[in-house]
Amino acid sequence: MDAFGSLPIIIVCALVLWLVFKLLKWPLKIFWKLLVNIVIGFVILFVVNLVGGLFNFSITINWLTSLVTGVFGIPGVIVLAILTLIGII
């Protein structure tokens, strides 16, 4: 799946999370932090795949990598890159 193909999945996940937070009356501050991590993680994954294409390196963007980058942000992308380099992902 290419980077633009996973964008609708990320948007739907963000909307579902918003609904869950709204239903459970959790503070929206947590939701916004998670949403910012999702956006930053997606952009970084896209840039890593764009630049990594020059060096024959890419991180697959799927639901698992989106979840990792959404929860952990930049450190999650770094861990995914390391796991890809050693061949686990």
N, C-alpha and C. Protein backbone atom coordinates (compact mmCIF):
# COMPACT_ATOMS: atom_id res chain seq x y z
N MET A 1 0.85 -1.16 0.00
CA MET A 1 0.00 0.00 0.00
C MET A 1 0.89 1.23 0.00
N ASP A 2 0.62 2.17 -0.86
CA ASP A 2 1.43 3.38 -0.91
C ASP A 2 1.01 4.34 0.20
N ALA A 3 1.79 5.39 0.36
CA ALA A 3 1.57 6.33 1.45
C ALA A 3 0.23 7.04 1.32
N PHE A 4 -0.19 7.38 0.11
CA PHE A 4 -1.45 8.08 -0.06
C PHE A 4 -2.64 7.15 0.11
N GLY A 5 -2.44 5.86 -0.10
CA GLY A 5 -3.52 4.90 0.09
C GLY A 5 -3.86 4.68 1.55
N SER A 6 -2.89 4.90 2.44
CA SER A 6 -3.15 4.71 3.86
C SER A 6 -3.68 5.96 4.54
N LEU A 7 -3.69 7.08 3.85
CA LEU A 7 -4.20 8.32 4.44
C LEU A 7 -5.66 8.20 4.84
N PRO A 8 -6.55 7.64 4.01
CA PRO A 8 -7.94 7.49 4.46
C PRO A 8 -8.07 6.60 5.69
N ILE A 9 -7.22 5.58 5.80
CA ILE A 9 -7.25 4.70 6.97
C ILE A 9 -6.89 5.49 8.21
N ILE A 10 -5.88 6.34 8.11
CA ILE A 10 -5.45 7.15 9.25
C ILE A 10 -6.55 8.12 9.65
N ILE A 11 -7.21 8.72 8.67
CA ILE A 11 -8.29 9.67 8.96
C ILE A 11 -9.46 8.96 9.65
N VAL A 12 -9.82 7.79 9.16
CA VAL A 12 -10.92 7.03 9.78
C VAL A 12 -10.55 6.62 11.20
N CYS A 13 -9.31 6.19 11.42
CA CYS A 13 -8.87 5.82 12.76
C CYS A 13 -8.93 7.02 13.70
N ALA A 14 -8.51 8.17 13.22
CA ALA A 14 -8.55 9.38 14.04
C ALA A 14 -10.00 9.74 14.39
N LEU A 15 -10.90 9.61 13.45
CA LEU A 15 -12.30 9.90 13.73
C LEU A 15 -12.90 8.90 14.72
N VAL A 16 -12.53 7.65 14.60
CA VAL A 16 -13.02 6.64 15.55
C VAL A 16 -12.48 6.93 16.94
N LEU A 17 -11.20 7.29 17.03
CA LEU A 17 -10.62 7.65 18.33
C LEU A 17 -11.33 8.86 18.93
N TRP A 18 -11.63 9.85 18.08
CA TRP A 18 -12.34 11.03 18.56
C TRP A 18 -13.69 10.63 19.14
N LEU A 19 -14.40 9.74 18.44
CA LEU A 19 -15.69 9.27 18.92
C LEU A 19 -15.56 8.54 20.24
N VAL A 20 -14.55 7.69 20.36
CA VAL A 20 -14.35 6.96 21.61
C VAL A 20 -14.05 7.93 22.75
N PHE A 21 -13.18 8.91 22.52
CA PHE A 21 -12.88 9.89 23.55
C PHE A 21 -14.12 10.69 23.93
N LYS A 22 -14.90 11.03 22.94
CA LYS A 22 -16.10 11.81 23.19
C LYS A 22 -17.10 10.99 24.01
N LEU A 23 -17.26 9.73 23.66
CA LEU A 23 -18.20 8.88 24.38
C LEU A 23 -17.75 8.61 25.82
N LEU A 24 -16.49 8.47 26.00
CA LEU A 24 -15.97 8.17 27.33
C LEU A 24 -15.65 9.42 28.14
N LYS A 25 -15.83 10.58 27.52
CA LYS A 25 -15.58 11.87 28.18
C LYS A 25 -14.14 12.04 28.65
N TRP A 26 -13.23 11.45 27.89
CA TRP A 26 -11.82 11.65 28.19
C TRP A 26 -11.43 13.05 27.76
N PRO A 27 -10.40 13.59 28.35
CA PRO A 27 -9.98 14.93 27.94
C PRO A 27 -9.53 14.95 26.48
N LEU A 28 -9.92 16.00 25.79
CA LEU A 28 -9.55 16.12 24.39
C LEU A 28 -8.06 16.38 24.21
N LYS A 29 -7.38 16.78 25.28
CA LYS A 29 -5.94 17.01 25.20
C LYS A 29 -5.22 15.72 24.80
N ILE A 30 -5.66 14.60 25.33
CA ILE A 30 -5.06 13.31 24.98
C ILE A 30 -5.31 13.00 23.51
N PHE A 31 -6.53 13.28 23.05
CA PHE A 31 -6.87 13.04 21.65
C PHE A 31 -6.00 13.88 20.73
N TRP A 32 -5.83 15.16 21.04
CA TRP A 32 -5.03 16.03 20.17
C TRP A 32 -3.58 15.60 20.15
N LYS A 33 -3.05 15.16 21.29
CA LYS A 33 -1.67 14.68 21.32
C LYS A 33 -1.51 13.45 20.43
N LEU A 34 -2.47 12.53 20.52
CA LEU A 34 -2.43 11.34 19.69
C LEU A 34 -2.58 11.70 18.21
N LEU A 35 -3.46 12.64 17.91
CA LEU A 35 -3.66 13.06 16.53
C LEU A 35 -2.40 13.71 15.96
N VAL A 36 -1.74 14.54 16.75
CA VAL A 36 -0.49 15.17 16.30
C VAL A 36 0.57 14.10 16.06
N ASN A 37 0.66 13.09 16.95
CA ASN A 37 1.61 12.00 16.74
C ASN A 37 1.31 11.23 15.47
N ILE A 38 0.03 11.01 15.18
CA ILE A 38 -0.35 10.30 13.97
C ILE A 38 0.10 11.08 12.74
N VAL A 39 -0.17 12.37 12.72
CA VAL A 39 0.19 13.19 11.55
C VAL A 39 1.70 13.27 11.39
N ILE A 40 2.41 13.54 12.48
CA ILE A 40 3.87 13.63 12.40
C ILE A 40 4.47 12.28 11.99
N GLY A 41 3.98 11.21 12.57
CA GLY A 41 4.48 9.89 12.22
C GLY A 41 4.23 9.55 10.77
N PHE A 42 3.04 9.89 10.25
CA PHE A 42 2.74 9.62 8.85
C PHE A 42 3.65 10.42 7.93
N VAL A 43 3.86 11.69 8.25
CA VAL A 43 4.73 12.53 7.42
C VAL A 43 6.16 11.99 7.44
N ILE A 44 6.63 11.60 8.61
CA ILE A 44 7.99 11.07 8.71
C ILE A 44 8.11 9.75 7.96
N LEU A 45 7.11 8.87 8.06
CA LEU A 45 7.14 7.62 7.30
C LEU A 45 7.17 7.90 5.80
N PHE A 46 6.40 8.89 5.38
CA PHE A 46 6.38 9.25 3.96
C PHE A 46 7.75 9.75 3.52
N VAL A 47 8.37 10.62 4.33
CA VAL A 47 9.68 11.17 3.98
C VAL A 47 10.75 10.08 4.02
N VAL A 48 10.69 9.19 5.01
CA VAL A 48 11.65 8.09 5.08
C VAL A 48 11.54 7.22 3.84
N ASN A 49 10.32 6.92 3.41
CA ASN A 49 10.15 6.11 2.21
C ASN A 49 10.57 6.85 0.96
N LEU A 50 10.35 8.16 0.92
CA LEU A 50 10.75 8.96 -0.23
C LEU A 50 12.28 9.01 -0.35
N VAL A 51 12.95 9.34 0.74
CA VAL A 51 14.41 9.42 0.73
C VAL A 51 15.02 8.02 0.70
N GLY A 52 14.41 7.10 1.42
CA GLY A 52 14.91 5.73 1.45
C GLY A 52 14.84 5.05 0.11
N GLY A 53 13.94 5.49 -0.77
CA GLY A 53 13.86 4.93 -2.11
C GLY A 53 15.14 5.12 -2.89
N LEU A 54 15.87 6.16 -2.57
CA LEU A 54 17.16 6.40 -3.23
C LEU A 54 18.20 5.37 -2.80
N PHE A 55 18.02 4.80 -1.61
CA PHE A 55 18.97 3.83 -1.06
C PHE A 55 18.38 2.43 -0.97
N ASN A 56 17.28 2.20 -1.69
CA ASN A 56 16.60 0.90 -1.70
C ASN A 56 16.14 0.50 -0.30
N PHE A 57 15.55 1.45 0.43
CA PHE A 57 15.06 1.24 1.78
C PHE A 57 13.65 1.82 1.89
N SER A 58 12.74 1.05 2.45
CA SER A 58 11.40 1.57 2.69
C SER A 58 10.77 0.83 3.86
N ILE A 59 9.87 1.53 4.54
CA ILE A 59 9.10 0.95 5.63
C ILE A 59 7.68 0.79 5.12
N THR A 60 7.17 -0.42 5.21
CA THR A 60 5.81 -0.67 4.77
C THR A 60 4.83 0.11 5.63
N ILE A 61 3.90 0.81 4.99
CA ILE A 61 2.88 1.55 5.72
C ILE A 61 1.62 0.70 5.72
N ASN A 62 1.29 0.16 6.90
CA ASN A 62 0.07 -0.63 7.08
C ASN A 62 -0.53 -0.27 8.43
N TRP A 63 -1.51 -1.03 8.87
CA TRP A 63 -2.19 -0.67 10.11
C TRP A 63 -1.27 -0.76 11.32
N LEU A 64 -0.34 -1.71 11.30
CA LEU A 64 0.57 -1.87 12.43
C LEU A 64 1.57 -0.71 12.52
N THR A 65 2.18 -0.37 11.39
CA THR A 65 3.14 0.74 11.41
C THR A 65 2.42 2.06 11.69
N SER A 66 1.21 2.22 11.20
CA SER A 66 0.44 3.43 11.50
C SER A 66 0.10 3.51 12.99
N LEU A 67 -0.23 2.38 13.58
CA LEU A 67 -0.52 2.35 15.01
C LEU A 67 0.72 2.69 15.83
N VAL A 68 1.86 2.11 15.46
CA VAL A 68 3.10 2.37 16.19
C VAL A 68 3.48 3.85 16.09
N THR A 69 3.40 4.41 14.89
CA THR A 69 3.76 5.82 14.74
C THR A 69 2.72 6.73 15.38
N GLY A 70 1.47 6.32 15.40
CA GLY A 70 0.44 7.13 16.03
C GLY A 70 0.58 7.18 17.54
N VAL A 71 0.98 6.09 18.14
CA VAL A 71 1.11 6.04 19.59
C VAL A 71 2.46 6.61 20.04
N PHE A 72 3.53 6.26 19.32
CA PHE A 72 4.86 6.63 19.77
C PHE A 72 5.50 7.79 19.01
N GLY A 73 4.93 8.19 17.88
CA GLY A 73 5.46 9.32 17.13
C GLY A 73 6.83 9.04 16.52
N ILE A 74 7.74 10.01 16.66
CA ILE A 74 9.07 9.91 16.06
C ILE A 74 9.87 8.72 16.60
N PRO A 75 9.88 8.47 17.91
CA PRO A 75 10.60 7.28 18.38
C PRO A 75 10.06 5.98 17.76
N GLY A 76 8.75 5.93 17.51
CA GLY A 76 8.17 4.76 16.87
C GLY A 76 8.69 4.56 15.46
N VAL A 77 8.87 5.66 14.72
CA VAL A 77 9.42 5.56 13.36
C VAL A 77 10.86 5.08 13.41
N ILE A 78 11.61 5.54 14.38
CA ILE A 78 13.01 5.11 14.52
C ILE A 78 13.07 3.62 14.81
N VAL A 79 12.21 3.14 15.70
CA VAL A 79 12.18 1.71 16.01
C VAL A 79 11.77 0.90 14.77
N LEU A 80 10.78 1.39 14.02
CA LEU A 80 10.37 0.69 12.80
C LEU A 80 11.51 0.63 11.78
N ALA A 81 12.28 1.73 11.67
CA ALA A 81 13.41 1.74 10.75
C ALA A 81 14.47 0.73 11.17
N ILE A 82 14.73 0.65 12.46
CA ILE A 82 15.71 -0.32 12.96
C ILE A 82 15.23 -1.75 12.72
N LEU A 83 13.95 -2.00 13.00
CA LEU A 83 13.41 -3.34 12.77
C LEU A 83 13.41 -3.71 11.29
N THR A 84 13.21 -2.74 10.43
CA THR A 84 13.28 -3.00 8.99
C THR A 84 14.71 -3.30 8.57
N LEU A 85 15.66 -2.55 9.11
CA LEU A 85 17.06 -2.78 8.76
C LEU A 85 17.55 -4.16 9.17
N ILE A 86 17.12 -4.65 10.32
CA ILE A 86 17.59 -5.96 10.75
C ILE A 86 16.72 -7.09 10.21
N GLY A 87 15.67 -6.74 9.49
CA GLY A 87 14.89 -7.75 8.77
C GLY A 87 13.71 -8.34 9.51
N ILE A 88 13.28 -7.75 10.58
CA ILE A 88 12.13 -8.28 11.33
C ILE A 88 10.82 -7.88 10.66
N ILE A 89 10.77 -6.67 10.14
CA ILE A 89 9.54 -6.21 9.46
C ILE A 89 9.71 -6.37 7.98
